[in-house]
Amino acid sequence: MRKLLFVGLLAACASESSSGPETLPDLNVPDKPANGLQAITPIVRGIQPGTDNEICTWTDAIVDRDVDVRSTIAFQTEPGHHTIVFYTEVKEPPGTQRVCTDQDMASFRFLAGNAGNGILNEAPGDLIYRIPKGAQIVINHHYLNASDEVMDGQSVVNINFADPGKTYRRSGSTAFLNSSLDIPPGVSDLHISCTMNREFKLWYFAPHMHRWGTNIKVDVVKSGVTERLFDTEWADEFTFHPPEKRNHPDDPLVLAKGDQVKVHCTWNNDTPNNLNFGFEMCVAFGQYVDVDGIGNLACDNGFWTEF
C-alpha cells in the first residue's frame, strides 16, 4: 500500500523512523499503529490550578490522498480530560498550538473523540471516517486542573486506518446552519429551516453554539408531524461536548426527501459589537451513512452545498 505523505515531525506513520518530540515522563506513548499514524502534542506548560483549558495543535499530518479512518485511541497525562481529532483545510504551520478559538472551530471538521486513557473509539458498525486529500489533522486536547498545583500536560493519539482488505461504508457529515448570521448586542434569536433534498440516514445528531448562546431547539418535521430532538439550555462546556443522539448505522434516524429540520437559537450578546458566523454559531450537526459517497453536505439558510 502506498505511503501517505506527511510534512514535519509531530505525526509519523509506523513505518517511518523518528526520534519523536519531547515527552513528559508520565505520558504513556503506545506503539505506533501498523496501519495508521501517531500524533504527539507539544507539552502544555504551566497549567494553572482550577483552570479549564481547551488546546488545539495543528499536526504535520497533511494527507496526499483521501484517507479512511476506522478508530482512534489516546493517552494523556494528568490533568488530561479528553482528546478530539479534527481535520481542516485552513492550514497552520505544523506545531502551531494555542487555546482553541471560535474561529478555529468554524473551520474544523470532526473526526473522532476519546475520553479516558486507552479506550478505543471505533466507528460504529462497518463505517469509516474519511479525511479528504489535502486536509491537515488537528488535535484538540483538554486539560482540567482540579489540583492546587501548577501542572504540565501532554497527549498522544493513534489514528488507525481502515483495513484495506475489508469493505466499509463511509460516514458523511451534514450541517443545518446560517453562515450569514449577524447577532446584535443584547438578546436575539434566529430560526433556520431546511428541507431535505435527498434521504439521510443519520446515526449521530448534535446541536452546536458558542459562548453567547442561551438556548437551541432542533425539530424534525415528517409529513406535518413535528418531533423535538433537542431543547437545550446552552452551557460553555457544550461547545466541545454537546448533547447528542446516536443510533446504530443499521437503525438510523431516516430523514426522507421533503422532510424538514428546523433549528431555533437564542443568544445574549453582552459585547458592544455584532457577532458574525465563527464567533457565534447556530448549527445542528449530523453524521450519516453515506451509501452513495456524496461526502459532506450542508444546508445553509435553506440552500444545499458541499462543505
C-alpha atoms as a PDB file:
ATOM      1  CA  MET A   1       0.000   0.000   0.000  1.00  0.00           C
ATOM      2  CA  ARG A   2       1.332   3.427  -0.959  1.00  0.00           C
ATOM      3  CA  LYS A   3       2.647   5.539   1.906  1.00  0.00           C
ATOM      4  CA  LEU A   4       0.928   8.755   2.831  1.00  0.00           C
ATOM      5  CA  LEU A   5       2.878  11.969   2.566  1.00  0.00           C
ATOM      6  CA  PHE A   6       3.227  13.922   5.808  1.00  0.00           C
ATOM      7  CA  VAL A   7       5.118  17.129   6.448  1.00  0.00           C
ATOM      8  CA  GLY A   8       7.217  17.630   9.600  1.00  0.00           C
ATOM      9  CA  LEU A   9       7.778  15.762  12.868  1.00  0.00           C
ATOM     10  CA  LEU A  10       4.663  15.742  15.039  1.00  0.00           C
ATOM     11  CA  ALA A  11       2.946  12.835  13.332  1.00  0.00           C
ATOM     12  CA  ALA A  12       4.516   9.733  11.844  1.00  0.00           C
ATOM     13  CA  CYS A  13       3.450   6.510  10.199  1.00  0.00           C
ATOM     14  CA  ALA A  14       4.527   3.366  11.959  1.00  0.00           C
ATOM     15  CA  SER A  15       6.847   2.522   9.126  1.00  0.00           C
ATOM     16  CA  GLU A  16       8.747   5.799   9.465  1.00  0.00           C
ATOM     17  CA  SER A  17      11.599   6.191  11.933  1.00  0.00           C
ATOM     18  CA  SER A  18      11.870   9.323  14.051  1.00  0.00           C
ATOM     19  CA  SER A  19      13.272  10.206  17.422  1.00  0.00           C
ATOM     20  CA  GLY A  20       9.978  11.968  18.053  1.00  0.00           C
ATOM     21  CA  PRO A  21       9.140  15.074  20.077  1.00  0.00           C
ATOM     22  CA  GLU A  22       9.939  15.662  23.741  1.00  0.00           C
ATOM     23  CA  THR A  23       7.541  13.796  26.027  1.00  0.00           C
ATOM     24  CA  LEU A  24       6.672  14.048  29.693  1.00  0.00           C
ATOM     25  CA  PRO A  25       7.848  11.096  31.822  1.00  0.00           C
ATOM     26  CA  ASP A  26       4.303  10.049  32.732  1.00  0.00           C
ATOM     27  CA  LEU A  27       2.904  10.112  29.178  1.00  0.00           C
ATOM     28  CA  ASN A  28       2.073   6.558  28.094  1.00  0.00           C
ATOM     29  CA  VAL A  29       3.144   6.500  24.445  1.00  0.00           C
ATOM     30  CA  PRO A  30       1.772   3.364  22.740  1.00  0.00           C
ATOM     31  CA  ASP A  31       3.354   1.659  19.767  1.00  0.00           C
ATOM     32  CA  LYS A  32       2.689   3.442  16.511  1.00  0.00           C
ATOM     33  CA  PRO A  33      -0.120   1.759  14.560  1.00  0.00           C
ATOM     34  CA  ALA A  34       0.924  -0.679  11.859  1.00  0.00           C
ATOM     35  CA  ASN A  35      -1.690   0.902   9.578  1.00  0.00           C
ATOM     36  CA  GLY A  36      -2.137   4.495  10.643  1.00  0.00           C
ATOM     37  CA  LEU A  37      -0.332   7.374  12.277  1.00  0.00           C
ATOM     38  CA  GLN A  38       0.529   8.698  15.691  1.00  0.00           C
ATOM     39  CA  ALA A  39       0.322  12.338  16.794  1.00  0.00           C
ATOM     40  CA  ILE A  40       2.096  13.545  19.948  1.00  0.00           C
ATOM     41  CA  THR A  41       1.244  17.080  21.027  1.00  0.00           C
ATOM     42  CA  PRO A  42       3.873  19.509  22.281  1.00  0.00           C
ATOM     43  CA  ILE A  43       3.946  19.776  26.072  1.00  0.00           C
ATOM     44  CA  VAL A  44       1.446  22.254  27.512  1.00  0.00           C
ATOM     45  CA  ARG A  45       3.422  24.072  30.210  1.00  0.00           C
ATOM     46  CA  GLY A  46       2.143  25.774  33.332  1.00  0.00           C
ATOM     47  CA  ILE A  47      -1.487  24.618  33.541  1.00  0.00           C
ATOM     48  CA  GLN A  48      -2.765  26.666  36.459  1.00  0.00           C
ATOM     49  CA  PRO A  49      -4.797  25.264  39.388  1.00  0.00           C
ATOM     50  CA  GLY A  50      -8.553  25.457  38.937  1.00  0.00           C
ATOM     51  CA  THR A  51      -8.373  26.112  35.198  1.00  0.00           C
ATOM     52  CA  ASP A  52     -10.154  24.524  32.229  1.00  0.00           C
ATOM     53  CA  ASN A  53      -8.024  24.550  29.070  1.00  0.00           C
ATOM     54  CA  GLU A  54      -9.053  23.566  25.521  1.00  0.00           C
ATOM     55  CA  ILE A  55      -5.831  23.439  23.470  1.00  0.00           C
ATOM     56  CA  CYS A  56      -5.619  22.955  19.693  1.00  0.00           C
ATOM     57  CA  THR A  57      -2.499  21.622  17.964  1.00  0.00           C
ATOM     58  CA  TRP A  58      -2.030  21.616  14.202  1.00  0.00           C
ATOM     59  CA  THR A  59      -0.041  18.480  13.402  1.00  0.00           C
ATOM     60  CA  ASP A  60       2.255  17.926  10.458  1.00  0.00           C
ATOM     61  CA  ALA A  61      -0.122  15.284   9.077  1.00  0.00           C
ATOM     62  CA  ILE A  62      -1.325  16.700   5.757  1.00  0.00           C
ATOM     63  CA  VAL A  63      -2.651  13.814   3.692  1.00  0.00           C
ATOM     64  CA  ASP A  64      -1.851  13.492  -0.005  1.00  0.00           C
ATOM     65  CA  ARG A  65      -4.943  11.387  -0.752  1.00  0.00           C
ATOM     66  CA  ASP A  66      -8.311  10.548   0.780  1.00  0.00           C
ATOM     67  CA  VAL A  67      -7.739   8.564   3.989  1.00  0.00           C
ATOM     68  CA  ASP A  68     -10.294   6.298   5.657  1.00  0.00           C
ATOM     69  CA  VAL A  69     -10.110   6.083   9.456  1.00  0.00           C
ATOM     70  CA  ARG A  70     -11.610   3.217  11.428  1.00  0.00           C
ATOM     71  CA  SER A  71     -10.724   4.136  15.025  1.00  0.00           C
ATOM     72  CA  THR A  72      -8.696   6.308  17.380  1.00  0.00           C
ATOM     73  CA  ILE A  73      -7.141   5.708  20.787  1.00  0.00           C
ATOM     74  CA  ALA A  74      -5.496   8.287  23.040  1.00  0.00           C
ATOM     75  CA  PHE A  75      -3.442   8.716  26.202  1.00  0.00           C
ATOM     76  CA  GLN A  76      -2.929  11.843  28.302  1.00  0.00           C
ATOM     77  CA  THR A  77      -1.006  12.868  31.369  1.00  0.00           C
ATOM     78  CA  GLU A  78      -2.750  14.452  34.310  1.00  0.00           C
ATOM     79  CA  PRO A  79      -4.735  16.707  34.201  1.00  0.00           C
ATOM     80  CA  GLY A  80      -5.951  15.447  30.810  1.00  0.00           C
ATOM     81  CA  HIS A  81      -9.694  15.201  30.227  1.00  0.00           C
ATOM     82  CA  HIS A  82     -10.218  14.310  26.544  1.00  0.00           C
ATOM     83  CA  THR A  83      -8.829  14.463  23.028  1.00  0.00           C
ATOM     84  CA  ILE A  84     -10.688  15.093  19.763  1.00  0.00           C
ATOM     85  CA  VAL A  85      -9.294  14.572  16.281  1.00  0.00           C
ATOM     86  CA  PHE A  86     -10.405  17.162  13.746  1.00  0.00           C
ATOM     87  CA  TYR A  87      -9.264  17.927  10.221  1.00  0.00           C
ATOM     88  CA  THR A  88      -9.201  21.272   8.474  1.00  0.00           C
ATOM     89  CA  GLU A  89      -8.390  22.749   5.098  1.00  0.00           C
ATOM     90  CA  VAL A  90      -7.475  26.073   6.745  1.00  0.00           C
ATOM     91  CA  LYS A  91      -3.883  25.148   7.425  1.00  0.00           C
ATOM     92  CA  GLU A  92      -1.497  26.451  10.076  1.00  0.00           C
ATOM     93  CA  PRO A  93       2.250  25.794  10.355  1.00  0.00           C
ATOM     94  CA  PRO A  94       2.818  22.314  11.835  1.00  0.00           C
ATOM     95  CA  GLY A  95       3.318  22.554  15.579  1.00  0.00           C
ATOM     96  CA  THR A  96       1.065  25.600  15.971  1.00  0.00           C
ATOM     97  CA  GLN A  97      -0.516  25.229  19.398  1.00  0.00           C
ATOM     98  CA  ARG A  98      -2.882  27.611  21.159  1.00  0.00           C
ATOM     99  CA  VAL A  99      -6.075  27.860  23.157  1.00  0.00           C
ATOM    100  CA  CYS A 100      -8.824  26.888  20.715  1.00  0.00           C
ATOM    101  CA  THR A 101     -10.818  29.840  19.401  1.00  0.00           C
ATOM    102  CA  ASP A 102     -14.323  30.059  17.966  1.00  0.00           C
ATOM    103  CA  GLN A 103     -12.816  30.930  14.587  1.00  0.00           C
ATOM    104  CA  ASP A 104     -10.681  27.799  14.733  1.00  0.00           C
ATOM    105  CA  MET A 105     -13.729  25.681  15.455  1.00  0.00           C
ATOM    106  CA  ALA A 106     -15.595  27.142  12.472  1.00  0.00           C
ATOM    107  CA  SER A 107     -13.018  25.609  10.110  1.00  0.00           C
ATOM    108  CA  PHE A 108     -12.689  22.226  11.851  1.00  0.00           C
ATOM    109  CA  ARG A 109     -14.464  19.043  10.784  1.00  0.00           C
ATOM    110  CA  PHE A 110     -14.997  16.426  13.489  1.00  0.00           C
ATOM    111  CA  LEU A 111     -13.370  13.040  13.005  1.00  0.00           C
ATOM    112  CA  ALA A 112     -13.404  11.176  16.359  1.00  0.00           C
ATOM    113  CA  GLY A 113     -13.006  11.792  20.083  1.00  0.00           C
ATOM    114  CA  ASN A 114     -11.517   9.948  23.043  1.00  0.00           C
ATOM    115  CA  ALA A 115     -12.255  10.287  26.758  1.00  0.00           C
ATOM    116  CA  GLY A 116     -10.080   8.315  29.154  1.00  0.00           C
ATOM    117  CA  ASN A 117      -6.721   6.689  28.598  1.00  0.00           C
ATOM    118  CA  GLY A 118      -6.537   3.703  26.299  1.00  0.00           C
ATOM    119  CA  ILE A 119     -10.234   3.500  25.400  1.00  0.00           C
ATOM    120  CA  LEU A 120     -10.674   2.654  21.723  1.00  0.00           C
ATOM    121  CA  ASN A 121     -13.200   4.768  19.811  1.00  0.00           C
ATOM    122  CA  GLU A 122     -14.178   2.773  16.746  1.00  0.00           C
ATOM    123  CA  ALA A 123     -16.653   3.876  14.084  1.00  0.00           C
ATOM    124  CA  PRO A 124     -19.933   2.004  14.643  1.00  0.00           C
ATOM    125  CA  GLY A 125     -20.845  -0.993  12.530  1.00  0.00           C
ATOM    126  CA  ASP A 126     -18.931  -1.100   9.274  1.00  0.00           C
ATOM    127  CA  LEU A 127     -18.447   2.666   8.959  1.00  0.00           C
ATOM    128  CA  ILE A 128     -15.287   4.658   8.345  1.00  0.00           C
ATOM    129  CA  TYR A 129     -14.472   8.356   8.676  1.00  0.00           C
ATOM    130  CA  ARG A 130     -12.848   9.984   5.653  1.00  0.00           C
ATOM    131  CA  ILE A 131     -10.162  12.663   5.746  1.00  0.00           C
ATOM    132  CA  PRO A 132     -10.134  14.385   2.345  1.00  0.00           C
ATOM    133  CA  LYS A 133      -6.994  14.853   0.297  1.00  0.00           C
ATOM    134  CA  GLY A 134      -5.048  17.946   1.314  1.00  0.00           C
ATOM    135  CA  ALA A 135      -6.552  18.272   4.803  1.00  0.00           C
ATOM    136  CA  GLN A 136      -4.456  18.877   7.928  1.00  0.00           C
ATOM    137  CA  ILE A 137      -5.109  16.898  11.107  1.00  0.00           C
ATOM    138  CA  VAL A 138      -5.690  18.940  14.275  1.00  0.00           C
ATOM    139  CA  ILE A 139      -5.726  17.571  17.823  1.00  0.00           C
ATOM    140  CA  ASN A 140      -7.961  19.212  20.419  1.00  0.00           C
ATOM    141  CA  HIS A 141      -6.669  18.250  23.876  1.00  0.00           C
ATOM    142  CA  HIS A 142      -8.456  19.299  27.036  1.00  0.00           C
ATOM    143  CA  TYR A 143      -6.883  19.746  30.493  1.00  0.00           C
ATOM    144  CA  LEU A 144      -8.909  20.307  33.650  1.00  0.00           C
ATOM    145  CA  ASN A 145      -6.620  21.051  36.589  1.00  0.00           C
ATOM    146  CA  ALA A 146      -8.618  20.409  39.753  1.00  0.00           C
ATOM    147  CA  SER A 147      -5.480  20.267  41.905  1.00  0.00           C
ATOM    148  CA  ASP A 148      -3.727  23.001  43.885  1.00  0.00           C
ATOM    149  CA  GLU A 149      -0.524  22.635  41.856  1.00  0.00           C
ATOM    150  CA  VAL A 150       0.692  24.055  38.566  1.00  0.00           C
ATOM    151  CA  MET A 151       0.963  21.138  36.138  1.00  0.00           C
ATOM    152  CA  ASP A 152       2.278  20.300  32.677  1.00  0.00           C
ATOM    153  CA  GLY A 153       0.162  18.226  30.298  1.00  0.00           C
ATOM    154  CA  GLN A 154       0.580  16.272  27.084  1.00  0.00           C
ATOM    155  CA  SER A 155      -1.435  13.974  24.824  1.00  0.00           C
ATOM    156  CA  VAL A 156      -0.818  11.290  22.218  1.00  0.00           C
ATOM    157  CA  VAL A 157      -3.356   9.942  19.736  1.00  0.00           C
ATOM    158  CA  ASN A 158      -3.120   6.876  17.491  1.00  0.00           C
ATOM    159  CA  ILE A 159      -5.263   7.134  14.356  1.00  0.00           C
ATOM    160  CA  ASN A 160      -5.965   3.713  12.872  1.00  0.00           C
ATOM    161  CA  PHE A 161      -6.776   3.487   9.176  1.00  0.00           C
ATOM    162  CA  ALA A 162      -9.347   1.133   7.682  1.00  0.00           C
ATOM    163  CA  ASP A 163      -8.170  -2.360   6.803  1.00  0.00           C
ATOM    164  CA  PRO A 164      -7.555  -2.397   3.022  1.00  0.00           C
ATOM    165  CA  GLY A 165      -8.769  -5.981   2.905  1.00  0.00           C
ATOM    166  CA  LYS A 166     -12.271  -5.232   4.196  1.00  0.00           C
ATOM    167  CA  THR A 167     -15.343  -3.494   2.842  1.00  0.00           C
ATOM    168  CA  TYR A 168     -16.695  -0.461   4.675  1.00  0.00           C
ATOM    169  CA  ARG A 169     -19.410   2.122   4.333  1.00  0.00           C
ATOM    170  CA  ARG A 170     -18.485   5.761   4.510  1.00  0.00           C
ATOM    171  CA  SER A 171     -19.821   8.096   7.176  1.00  0.00           C
ATOM    172  CA  GLY A 172     -20.650  11.542   5.819  1.00  0.00           C
ATOM    173  CA  SER A 173     -21.306  14.770   7.690  1.00  0.00           C
ATOM    174  CA  THR A 174     -24.178  17.194   7.338  1.00  0.00           C
ATOM    175  CA  ALA A 175     -24.971  20.520   8.970  1.00  0.00           C
ATOM    176  CA  PHE A 176     -28.004  22.789   9.187  1.00  0.00           C
ATOM    177  CA  LEU A 177     -26.934  26.394   9.673  1.00  0.00           C
ATOM    178  CA  ASN A 178     -26.979  30.024   8.523  1.00  0.00           C
ATOM    179  CA  SER A 179     -23.455  31.244   7.826  1.00  0.00           C
ATOM    180  CA  SER A 180     -24.675  34.809   7.276  1.00  0.00           C
ATOM    181  CA  LEU A 181     -25.922  35.216  10.848  1.00  0.00           C
ATOM    182  CA  ASP A 182     -25.322  38.648  12.350  1.00  0.00           C
ATOM    183  CA  ILE A 183     -26.129  38.797  16.048  1.00  0.00           C
ATOM    184  CA  PRO A 184     -26.630  42.300  17.504  1.00  0.00           C
ATOM    185  CA  PRO A 185     -25.832  43.251  21.099  1.00  0.00           C
ATOM    186  CA  GLY A 186     -28.444  42.115  23.591  1.00  0.00           C
ATOM    187  CA  VAL A 187     -30.946  39.275  23.422  1.00  0.00           C
ATOM    188  CA  SER A 188     -31.845  37.973  19.960  1.00  0.00           C
ATOM    189  CA  ASP A 189     -32.866  34.808  18.177  1.00  0.00           C
ATOM    190  CA  LEU A 190     -32.709  33.105  14.781  1.00  0.00           C
ATOM    191  CA  HIS A 191     -34.808  30.475  13.038  1.00  0.00           C
ATOM    192  CA  ILE A 192     -33.347  28.124  10.412  1.00  0.00           C
ATOM    193  CA  SER A 193     -35.468  25.810   8.251  1.00  0.00           C
ATOM    194  CA  CYS A 194     -34.062  23.243   5.814  1.00  0.00           C
ATOM    195  CA  THR A 195     -35.907  20.822   3.528  1.00  0.00           C
ATOM    196  CA  MET A 196     -34.161  17.553   2.734  1.00  0.00           C
ATOM    197  CA  ASN A 197     -33.057  17.313  -0.907  1.00  0.00           C
ATOM    198  CA  ARG A 198     -32.290  13.599  -0.538  1.00  0.00           C
ATOM    199  CA  GLU A 199     -32.566  10.825   2.024  1.00  0.00           C
ATOM    200  CA  PHE A 200     -30.235  10.997   5.010  1.00  0.00           C
ATOM    201  CA  LYS A 201     -29.659   8.068   7.369  1.00  0.00           C
ATOM    202  CA  LEU A 202     -28.377   9.820  10.485  1.00  0.00           C
ATOM    203  CA  TRP A 203     -26.548   7.795  13.104  1.00  0.00           C
ATOM    204  CA  TYR A 204     -25.349  10.903  15.006  1.00  0.00           C
ATOM    205  CA  PHE A 205     -27.004  14.271  15.656  1.00  0.00           C
ATOM    206  CA  ALA A 206     -25.982  17.175  17.914  1.00  0.00           C
ATOM    207  CA  PRO A 207     -26.595  20.935  18.302  1.00  0.00           C
ATOM    208  CA  HIS A 208     -23.783  23.498  18.317  1.00  0.00           C
ATOM    209  CA  MET A 209     -23.429  27.075  19.594  1.00  0.00           C
ATOM    210  CA  HIS A 210     -20.683  29.168  21.169  1.00  0.00           C
ATOM    211  CA  ARG A 211     -20.296  31.154  24.364  1.00  0.00           C
ATOM    212  CA  TRP A 212     -23.118  33.674  23.837  1.00  0.00           C
ATOM    213  CA  GLY A 213     -25.755  31.015  23.157  1.00  0.00           C
ATOM    214  CA  THR A 214     -28.554  30.608  25.681  1.00  0.00           C
ATOM    215  CA  ASN A 215     -30.841  28.006  24.081  1.00  0.00           C
ATOM    216  CA  ILE A 216     -31.040  25.837  20.972  1.00  0.00           C
ATOM    217  CA  LYS A 217     -34.032  23.816  19.771  1.00  0.00           C
ATOM    218  CA  VAL A 218     -33.882  21.251  16.956  1.00  0.00           C
ATOM    219  CA  ASP A 219     -37.062  19.827  15.424  1.00  0.00           C
ATOM    220  CA  VAL A 220     -37.644  17.257  12.693  1.00  0.00           C
ATOM    221  CA  VAL A 221     -40.865  17.577  10.680  1.00  0.00           C
ATOM    222  CA  LYS A 222     -42.162  14.492   8.856  1.00  0.00           C
ATOM    223  CA  SER A 223     -45.476  14.640   6.955  1.00  0.00           C
ATOM    224  CA  GLY A 224     -46.525  17.639   9.042  1.00  0.00           C
ATOM    225  CA  VAL A 225     -45.709  15.936  12.353  1.00  0.00           C
ATOM    226  CA  THR A 226     -43.032  17.642  14.479  1.00  0.00           C
ATOM    227  CA  GLU A 227     -40.642  15.778  16.750  1.00  0.00           C
ATOM    228  CA  ARG A 228     -38.383  17.802  19.046  1.00  0.00           C
ATOM    229  CA  LEU A 229     -34.915  16.275  19.252  1.00  0.00           C
ATOM    230  CA  PHE A 230     -33.193  18.937  21.363  1.00  0.00           C
ATOM    231  CA  ASP A 231     -34.304  21.759  23.652  1.00  0.00           C
ATOM    232  CA  THR A 232     -31.017  22.655  25.297  1.00  0.00           C
ATOM    233  CA  GLU A 233     -30.157  25.457  27.684  1.00  0.00           C
ATOM    234  CA  TRP A 234     -26.673  26.160  26.408  1.00  0.00           C
ATOM    235  CA  ALA A 235     -23.578  25.943  28.609  1.00  0.00           C
ATOM    236  CA  ASP A 236     -19.941  26.726  27.818  1.00  0.00           C
ATOM    237  CA  GLU A 237     -18.851  23.095  28.050  1.00  0.00           C
ATOM    238  CA  PHE A 238     -21.301  22.139  25.278  1.00  0.00           C
ATOM    239  CA  THR A 239     -19.133  23.960  22.713  1.00  0.00           C
ATOM    240  CA  PHE A 240     -16.817  20.930  22.646  1.00  0.00           C
ATOM    241  CA  HIS A 241     -19.086  18.333  24.298  1.00  0.00           C
ATOM    242  CA  PRO A 242     -22.669  18.901  23.105  1.00  0.00           C
ATOM    243  CA  PRO A 243     -25.652  16.759  23.999  1.00  0.00           C
ATOM    244  CA  GLU A 244     -26.052  14.165  21.276  1.00  0.00           C
ATOM    245  CA  LYS A 245     -28.247  11.428  19.874  1.00  0.00           C
ATOM    246  CA  ARG A 246     -26.695   8.237  18.494  1.00  0.00           C
ATOM    247  CA  ASN A 247     -28.246   5.369  16.544  1.00  0.00           C
ATOM    248  CA  HIS A 248     -26.732   2.169  15.197  1.00  0.00           C
ATOM    249  CA  PRO A 249     -25.949   2.588  11.474  1.00  0.00           C
ATOM    250  CA  ASP A 250     -28.383  -0.239  10.701  1.00  0.00           C
ATOM    251  CA  ASP A 251     -31.176   1.556  12.602  1.00  0.00           C
ATOM    252  CA  PRO A 252     -30.592   5.231  11.786  1.00  0.00           C
ATOM    253  CA  LEU A 253     -32.789   8.287  12.083  1.00  0.00           C
ATOM    254  CA  VAL A 254     -34.059   8.445   8.490  1.00  0.00           C
ATOM    255  CA  LEU A 255     -34.799  11.871   7.038  1.00  0.00           C
ATOM    256  CA  ALA A 256     -36.623  11.391   3.748  1.00  0.00           C
ATOM    257  CA  LYS A 257     -36.561  13.795   0.830  1.00  0.00           C
ATOM    258  CA  GLY A 258     -39.041  16.558   1.696  1.00  0.00           C
ATOM    259  CA  ASP A 259     -38.694  16.214   5.471  1.00  0.00           C
ATOM    260  CA  GLN A 260     -37.598  19.332   7.332  1.00  0.00           C
ATOM    261  CA  VAL A 261     -35.075  20.171  10.032  1.00  0.00           C
ATOM    262  CA  LYS A 262     -35.813  23.343  11.990  1.00  0.00           C
ATOM    263  CA  VAL A 263     -33.269  24.970  14.295  1.00  0.00           C
ATOM    264  CA  HIS A 264     -34.058  27.869  16.637  1.00  0.00           C
ATOM    265  CA  CYS A 265     -31.299  29.638  18.565  1.00  0.00           C
ATOM    266  CA  THR A 266     -31.312  32.415  21.151  1.00  0.00           C
ATOM    267  CA  TRP A 267     -28.346  34.467  22.350  1.00  0.00           C
ATOM    268  CA  ASN A 268     -27.401  37.065  24.897  1.00  0.00           C
ATOM    269  CA  ASN A 269     -24.656  39.100  23.250  1.00  0.00           C
ATOM    270  CA  ASP A 270     -23.091  41.057  26.108  1.00  0.00           C
ATOM    271  CA  THR A 271     -20.472  42.678  23.846  1.00  0.00           C
ATOM    272  CA  PRO A 272     -20.875  46.099  22.154  1.00  0.00           C
ATOM    273  CA  ASN A 273     -20.367  44.519  18.711  1.00  0.00           C
ATOM    274  CA  ASN A 274     -22.347  42.350  16.329  1.00  0.00           C
ATOM    275  CA  LEU A 275     -21.253  38.707  16.259  1.00  0.00           C
ATOM    276  CA  ASN A 276     -20.736  37.010  12.900  1.00  0.00           C
ATOM    277  CA  PHE A 277     -20.519  33.352  11.969  1.00  0.00           C
ATOM    278  CA  GLY A 278     -17.421  31.818  13.548  1.00  0.00           C
ATOM    279  CA  PHE A 279     -17.518  33.964  16.668  1.00  0.00           C
ATOM    280  CA  GLU A 280     -21.012  32.587  17.270  1.00  0.00           C
ATOM    281  CA  MET A 281     -22.947  29.773  15.634  1.00  0.00           C
ATOM    282  CA  CYS A 282     -26.348  28.128  15.325  1.00  0.00           C
ATOM    283  CA  VAL A 283     -25.865  24.642  13.892  1.00  0.00           C
ATOM    284  CA  ALA A 284     -27.384  21.179  14.021  1.00  0.00           C
ATOM    285  CA  PHE A 285     -24.616  18.769  13.041  1.00  0.00           C
ATOM    286  CA  GLY A 286     -25.134  15.187  11.916  1.00  0.00           C
ATOM    287  CA  GLN A 287     -23.241  12.179  10.641  1.00  0.00           C
ATOM    288  CA  TYR A 288     -24.954   9.811   8.256  1.00  0.00           C
ATOM    289  CA  VAL A 289     -24.448   6.517   6.452  1.00  0.00           C
ATOM    290  CA  ASP A 290     -23.141   7.763   3.112  1.00  0.00           C
ATOM    291  CA  VAL A 291     -24.017   4.830   0.854  1.00  0.00           C
ATOM    292  CA  ASP A 292     -23.625   6.938  -2.309  1.00  0.00           C
ATOM    293  CA  GLY A 293     -20.275   8.521  -1.431  1.00  0.00           C
ATOM    294  CA  ILE A 294     -21.735  12.025  -1.526  1.00  0.00           C
ATOM    295  CA  GLY A 295     -19.429  13.400   1.147  1.00  0.00           C
ATOM    296  CA  ASN A 296     -20.194  16.344   3.416  1.00  0.00           C
ATOM    297  CA  LEU A 297     -23.342  18.347   2.682  1.00  0.00           C
ATOM    298  CA  ALA A 298     -24.649  21.463   4.439  1.00  0.00           C
ATOM    299  CA  CYS A 299     -27.996  23.229   4.253  1.00  0.00           C
ATOM    300  CA  ASP A 300     -27.017  26.888   4.655  1.00  0.00           C
ATOM    301  CA  ASN A 301     -30.019  29.170   5.118  1.00  0.00           C
ATOM    302  CA  GLY A 302     -32.152  26.744   3.104  1.00  0.00           C
ATOM    303  CA  PHE A 303     -29.654  26.130   0.289  1.00  0.00           C
ATOM    304  CA  TRP A 304     -27.648  22.915  -0.039  1.00  0.00           C
ATOM    305  CA  THR A 305     -23.911  22.990  -0.630  1.00  0.00           C
ATOM    306  CA  GLU A 306     -20.805  20.862  -0.108  1.00  0.00           C
ATOM    307  CA  PHE A 307     -18.540  21.608   2.823  1.00  0.00           C
END
